[in-house]
Amino acid sequence: MLHSAWRLAASQPSSLRSFAQRGLALGPAKGGDISDELLEKLGNLSTQALVDGLWVMGWPSAQIDGARPLHPSHKCVGRAVTMRFVPARPDIAQDKPPGAASPEYEAFELCGPKEVLVMSSVGPWESVGGDIKFLRLKQREIGGLVTDGSVRDTDEIINYGFPCFAYSTTARQGPAAMQPWECNGVISVSGVTVRPGDAIVGDQDGVVVVPAKVAETVYRIAHGREVIEDIVKEELTKNPGPPGKYYPFMSGKIKVDSPLGQLLKTHGITPENSNQFEGRADW
């Protein structure tokens, strides 16, 4: 993001440069901090539970539609490092820092086992990279790569071993259509806002963005839901029947005297120790 700010400042007349250097009219890119402990706990939940947690809080859709795992074994969790591409234009190619100073390589070096690189493409079929570029991500032992674009050299990327979620695969080159422009700014990926430091969780159902600012609350809701769903599945396994007796339910809306409320009581889950009941929502 600093590269982008200074590129903008340098392009202005001298009368405006001093103003630009004092500060740009931008909010903070990062929305908060997520501890390693919380990150691990979020990664142990399903993406469905996380989406449900954000939904009952009234947050916009957080699933990156179209980002599919490159291999059935791929699952990821990490803090977002963001990378934004812009449509190709001759002056963009000229003004972009060259070589190792390019924003995409700046982003690579910020990644490690607890980071997920999130790359915002200009189109679903445009390539954000292939085997040579992403060899560096393997060397960095990255926690994952997520994009709403495509990747190339698919077999080699799978062999690299890091989780990769993309719209599709392609043989085409990316530079003809787009150029890397900004590292660690706020980006839109398939219409979902991603801020640096947000938790990115991916599994076979897709990829979910958990905003850092509310990550702890989302975890409490989502974890509570998963505990209840396990109890419901256990009960329906022991006593087969239509699930409508207990399910679906909405977090923060379970009635104490409902069949589900009574079932949870037998497992020690009550309004005194759970935020899933009516009147106990803490969000």
Protein backbone atom coordinates (compact mmCIF):
# COMPACT_ATOMS: atom_id res chain seq x y z
CA MET A 1 0.00 0.00 0.00
CA LEU A 2 2.90 2.37 0.71
CA HIS A 3 4.16 1.86 -2.82
CA SER A 4 0.76 3.00 -4.11
CA ALA A 5 0.70 6.07 -1.88
CA TRP A 6 4.11 7.24 -2.95
CA ARG A 7 3.38 6.54 -6.61
CA LEU A 8 0.34 8.79 -6.30
CA ALA A 9 2.27 11.50 -4.47
CA ALA A 10 5.12 11.45 -6.96
CA SER A 11 2.74 11.92 -9.88
CA GLN A 12 1.27 15.16 -8.49
CA PRO A 13 2.44 18.75 -9.04
CA SER A 14 4.85 20.02 -6.36
CA SER A 15 2.07 22.12 -4.82
CA LEU A 16 0.12 18.96 -4.10
CA ARG A 17 2.97 16.64 -3.17
CA SER A 18 3.50 18.20 0.26
CA PHE A 19 -0.19 17.66 1.01
CA ALA A 20 -0.04 14.08 -0.22
CA GLN A 21 2.99 13.39 1.96
CA ARG A 22 1.11 14.63 5.06
CA GLY A 23 -1.47 11.90 4.59
CA LEU A 24 -4.03 10.58 2.15
CA ALA A 25 -7.77 10.51 2.75
CA LEU A 26 -7.84 6.79 3.52
CA GLY A 27 -9.07 4.80 6.47
CA PRO A 28 -6.75 2.19 7.98
CA ALA A 29 -6.30 -0.85 5.79
CA LYS A 30 -6.11 -3.23 8.73
CA GLY A 31 -9.21 -3.80 10.84
CA GLY A 32 -7.66 -5.43 13.89
CA ASP A 33 -5.37 -8.17 15.17
CA ILE A 34 -6.06 -11.89 15.51
CA SER A 35 -3.97 -13.92 17.94
CA ASP A 36 -2.41 -17.24 16.96
CA GLU A 37 -4.71 -18.99 19.44
CA LEU A 38 -7.86 -17.50 17.95
CA LEU A 39 -6.62 -18.18 14.42
CA GLU A 40 -6.18 -21.86 15.25
CA LYS A 41 -9.65 -22.04 16.80
CA LEU A 42 -11.24 -20.45 13.73
CA GLY A 43 -9.43 -22.96 11.52
CA ASN A 44 -10.98 -25.83 13.47
CA LEU A 45 -14.49 -24.68 12.52
CA SER A 46 -16.31 -25.33 9.26
CA THR A 47 -16.83 -22.53 6.79
CA GLN A 48 -20.58 -23.11 7.12
CA ALA A 49 -20.51 -22.35 10.85
CA LEU A 50 -18.48 -19.19 10.24
CA VAL A 51 -20.88 -17.96 7.55
CA ASP A 52 -23.82 -18.63 9.87
CA GLY A 53 -22.09 -16.75 12.67
CA LEU A 54 -21.59 -13.67 10.52
CA TRP A 55 -25.12 -13.94 9.16
CA VAL A 56 -26.85 -13.79 12.56
CA MET A 57 -24.69 -10.75 13.38
CA GLY A 58 -26.09 -9.01 10.30
CA TRP A 59 -22.77 -8.80 8.44
CA PRO A 60 -22.68 -8.91 4.62
CA SER A 61 -21.90 -12.13 2.79
CA ALA A 62 -18.38 -13.26 3.63
CA GLN A 63 -18.00 -16.25 1.33
CA ILE A 64 -15.73 -15.76 -1.69
CA ASP A 65 -17.94 -17.36 -4.32
CA GLY A 66 -16.07 -19.21 -7.01
CA ALA A 67 -12.84 -19.77 -5.05
CA ARG A 68 -12.61 -23.56 -5.21
CA PRO A 69 -9.87 -25.82 -3.82
CA LEU A 70 -7.36 -26.89 -6.43
CA HIS A 71 -7.16 -30.33 -4.78
CA PRO A 72 -9.65 -32.19 -2.52
CA SER A 73 -7.11 -32.22 0.32
CA HIS A 74 -6.73 -28.45 0.44
CA LYS A 75 -7.78 -26.59 3.56
CA CYS A 76 -6.40 -23.30 4.79
CA VAL A 77 -6.46 -20.82 7.64
CA GLY A 78 -4.38 -17.69 8.02
CA ARG A 79 -4.28 -13.93 8.24
CA ALA A 80 -4.87 -12.18 4.95
CA VAL A 81 -2.06 -10.58 3.00
CA THR A 82 -3.76 -8.81 0.11
CA MET A 83 -2.66 -8.19 -3.46
CA ARG A 84 -4.64 -6.11 -5.98
CA PHE A 85 -4.30 -6.35 -9.75
CA VAL A 86 -5.53 -3.62 -12.10
CA PRO A 87 -6.32 -3.86 -15.82
CA ALA A 88 -3.22 -3.61 -18.02
CA ARG A 89 -2.29 -0.21 -19.45
CA PRO A 90 1.06 0.94 -20.87
CA ASP A 91 1.64 3.64 -18.26
CA ILE A 92 0.71 1.24 -15.44
CA ALA A 93 3.35 -1.20 -16.66
CA GLN A 94 5.90 1.65 -16.83
CA ASP A 95 5.13 3.11 -13.38
CA LYS A 96 4.87 -0.17 -11.47
CA PRO A 97 8.04 -0.88 -9.44
CA PRO A 98 10.07 -3.35 -11.50
CA GLY A 99 11.54 -6.75 -10.72
CA ALA A 100 11.76 -7.84 -7.09
CA ALA A 101 10.21 -4.52 -5.97
CA SER A 102 6.91 -5.35 -7.69
CA PRO A 103 3.92 -5.28 -5.31
CA GLU A 104 3.21 -8.98 -5.84
CA TYR A 105 6.70 -9.95 -4.68
CA GLU A 106 6.39 -7.53 -1.78
CA ALA A 107 3.26 -9.46 -0.81
CA PHE A 108 5.03 -12.82 -1.16
CA GLU A 109 7.66 -11.80 1.38
CA LEU A 110 4.99 -10.92 3.95
CA CYS A 111 3.63 -14.47 3.82
CA GLY A 112 4.46 -17.44 5.99
CA PRO A 113 2.72 -20.46 7.55
CA LYS A 114 0.11 -18.29 9.30
CA GLU A 115 -0.72 -16.06 6.33
CA VAL A 116 -2.97 -16.58 3.33
CA LEU A 117 -2.23 -14.55 0.20
CA VAL A 118 -5.48 -13.16 -1.23
CA MET A 119 -5.14 -11.94 -4.83
CA SER A 120 -7.84 -9.81 -6.43
CA SER A 121 -7.95 -10.49 -10.17
CA VAL A 122 -9.53 -8.36 -12.90
CA GLY A 123 -11.44 -11.38 -14.19
CA PRO A 124 -12.13 -15.02 -13.32
CA TRP A 125 -10.17 -16.44 -16.25
CA GLU A 126 -7.08 -14.24 -15.88
CA SER A 127 -3.96 -15.89 -14.47
CA VAL A 128 -2.57 -14.51 -11.21
CA GLY A 129 0.54 -16.69 -11.53
CA GLY A 130 2.08 -20.09 -12.12
CA ASP A 131 4.89 -22.40 -11.14
CA ILE A 132 7.87 -20.01 -11.27
CA LYS A 133 6.22 -17.20 -9.29
CA PHE A 134 4.58 -19.52 -6.81
CA LEU A 135 7.74 -21.47 -6.14
CA ARG A 136 8.51 -18.60 -3.77
CA LEU A 137 5.26 -19.26 -1.91
CA LYS A 138 6.33 -22.86 -1.44
CA GLN A 139 9.67 -21.65 -0.09
CA ARG A 140 7.85 -19.30 2.28
CA GLU A 141 5.72 -22.27 3.47
CA ILE A 142 2.64 -20.14 2.96
CA GLY A 143 -0.61 -20.99 4.73
CA GLY A 144 -2.58 -20.71 1.50
CA LEU A 145 -3.40 -18.83 -1.69
CA VAL A 146 -6.89 -17.54 -2.53
CA THR A 147 -7.96 -15.73 -5.71
CA ASP A 148 -11.07 -14.92 -7.70
CA GLY A 149 -8.91 -15.37 -10.81
CA SER A 150 -7.24 -18.48 -12.21
CA VAL A 151 -3.87 -20.16 -11.82
CA ARG A 152 -1.67 -21.93 -14.36
CA ASP A 153 0.79 -24.85 -14.15
CA THR A 154 -1.79 -26.63 -12.03
CA ASP A 155 0.00 -29.95 -11.52
CA GLU A 156 3.14 -28.21 -10.32
CA ILE A 157 1.24 -25.97 -7.91
CA ILE A 158 -0.50 -29.02 -6.43
CA ASN A 159 2.92 -30.64 -6.05
CA TYR A 160 4.15 -27.56 -4.16
CA GLY A 161 1.86 -28.65 -1.35
CA PHE A 162 0.34 -25.36 -0.15
CA PRO A 163 -3.47 -24.97 -0.21
CA CYS A 164 -4.72 -23.11 -3.27
CA PHE A 165 -8.25 -21.85 -3.92
CA ALA A 166 -9.03 -20.31 -7.33
CA TYR A 167 -11.91 -19.71 -9.69
CA SER A 168 -10.35 -22.05 -12.23
CA THR A 169 -7.17 -23.02 -14.04
CA THR A 170 -5.87 -21.59 -17.29
CA ALA A 171 -2.98 -21.75 -19.74
CA ARG A 172 -3.05 -18.04 -20.57
CA GLN A 173 -0.58 -15.47 -19.22
CA GLY A 174 -1.70 -12.74 -16.85
CA PRO A 175 0.47 -9.72 -17.82
CA ALA A 176 -1.42 -9.18 -21.08
CA ALA A 177 -4.62 -8.50 -19.11
CA MET A 178 -3.53 -7.06 -15.76
CA GLN A 179 -0.67 -5.74 -13.67
CA PRO A 180 0.05 -6.07 -9.92
CA TRP A 181 -0.50 -2.67 -8.34
CA GLU A 182 -1.01 -2.69 -4.57
CA CYS A 183 0.11 -4.84 -1.64
CA ASN A 184 -1.87 -4.97 1.61
CA GLY A 185 -4.64 -2.57 0.77
CA VAL A 186 -8.37 -3.19 1.15
CA ILE A 187 -9.53 -5.29 -1.81
CA SER A 188 -12.71 -6.78 -3.25
CA VAL A 189 -12.61 -10.47 -4.13
CA SER A 190 -15.76 -11.73 -5.89
CA GLY A 191 -17.56 -8.79 -4.29
CA VAL A 192 -16.36 -9.62 -0.77
CA THR A 193 -14.23 -7.04 1.05
CA VAL A 194 -10.92 -8.31 2.43
CA ARG A 195 -8.72 -6.27 4.76
CA PRO A 196 -5.14 -7.21 5.64
CA GLY A 197 -5.15 -9.26 8.84
CA ASP A 198 -8.66 -10.68 8.37
CA ALA A 199 -8.91 -14.43 9.01
CA ILE A 200 -9.21 -16.49 5.82
CA VAL A 201 -10.63 -20.00 6.26
CA GLY A 202 -11.01 -22.39 3.34
CA ASP A 203 -12.31 -25.94 3.04
CA GLN A 204 -14.16 -28.07 0.50
CA ASP A 205 -17.23 -25.81 0.70
CA GLY A 206 -15.33 -22.65 -0.17
CA VAL A 207 -13.50 -19.72 1.42
CA VAL A 208 -14.81 -17.41 4.15
CA VAL A 209 -13.44 -14.04 5.27
CA VAL A 210 -13.77 -13.41 9.02
CA PRO A 211 -13.24 -9.69 9.73
CA ALA A 212 -10.53 -9.24 12.35
CA LYS A 213 -12.62 -6.68 14.23
CA VAL A 214 -15.32 -9.26 15.10
CA ALA A 215 -13.37 -12.52 14.88
CA GLU A 216 -13.71 -13.40 18.58
CA THR A 217 -17.49 -12.91 18.51
CA VAL A 218 -17.84 -14.89 15.29
CA TYR A 219 -15.91 -17.75 16.89
CA ARG A 220 -18.18 -17.83 19.96
CA ILE A 221 -21.32 -17.99 17.83
CA ALA A 222 -19.94 -20.49 15.30
CA HIS A 223 -18.44 -22.79 17.91
CA GLY A 224 -21.71 -22.82 19.85
CA ARG A 225 -23.58 -23.74 16.68
CA GLU A 226 -21.25 -26.62 15.87
CA VAL A 227 -21.61 -28.07 19.38
CA ILE A 228 -25.41 -28.00 19.02
CA GLU A 229 -25.36 -29.49 15.52
CA ASP A 230 -23.23 -32.38 16.78
CA ILE A 231 -25.76 -33.03 19.53
CA VAL A 232 -28.63 -32.97 17.03
CA LYS A 233 -26.83 -35.40 14.70
CA GLU A 234 -26.06 -37.71 17.60
CA GLU A 235 -29.70 -37.71 18.71
CA LEU A 236 -31.03 -38.35 15.19
CA THR A 237 -28.56 -41.19 14.78
CA LYS A 238 -29.73 -42.86 17.99
CA ASN A 239 -33.41 -42.08 17.36
CA PRO A 240 -33.96 -41.83 13.58
CA GLY A 241 -36.62 -39.42 12.42
CA PRO A 242 -37.25 -36.16 10.56
CA PRO A 243 -34.72 -33.48 11.56
CA GLY A 244 -37.43 -30.81 11.60
CA LYS A 245 -38.05 -31.56 15.28
CA TYR A 246 -34.76 -29.86 16.14
CA TYR A 247 -33.43 -28.28 12.99
CA PRO A 248 -32.87 -25.75 11.50
CA PHE A 249 -32.34 -23.28 14.33
CA MET A 250 -31.07 -19.72 14.58
CA SER A 251 -28.33 -18.74 17.00
CA GLY A 252 -29.71 -16.47 19.72
CA LYS A 253 -33.28 -17.61 19.03
CA ILE A 254 -33.55 -21.11 20.59
CA LYS A 255 -36.49 -21.31 22.98
CA VAL A 256 -35.88 -23.03 26.31
CA ASP A 257 -39.12 -25.03 26.15
CA SER A 258 -38.69 -26.15 22.52
CA PRO A 259 -37.72 -29.76 21.70
CA LEU A 260 -34.22 -28.52 20.86
CA GLY A 261 -34.00 -26.53 24.08
CA GLN A 262 -35.03 -29.59 26.10
CA LEU A 263 -32.54 -31.79 24.25
CA LEU A 264 -29.71 -29.35 24.94
CA LYS A 265 -30.63 -29.26 28.64
CA THR A 266 -29.90 -32.99 28.87
CA HIS A 267 -26.39 -32.19 27.66
CA GLY A 268 -25.88 -29.37 30.15
CA ILE A 269 -26.40 -26.54 27.65
CA THR A 270 -28.71 -23.87 29.06
CA PRO A 271 -29.26 -20.09 28.77
CA GLU A 272 -26.91 -19.69 31.73
CA ASN A 273 -23.91 -20.97 29.75
CA SER A 274 -24.82 -20.53 26.07
CA ASN A 275 -25.44 -17.53 23.82
CA GLN A 276 -27.56 -19.62 21.46
CA PHE A 277 -30.81 -19.17 23.41
CA GLU A 278 -33.45 -16.50 23.05
CA GLY A 279 -32.48 -13.39 24.97
CA ARG A 280 -28.87 -14.52 25.44
CA ALA A 281 -27.32 -13.23 22.21
CA ASP A 282 -24.19 -11.24 23.13
CA TRP A 283 -23.51 -9.66 19.76
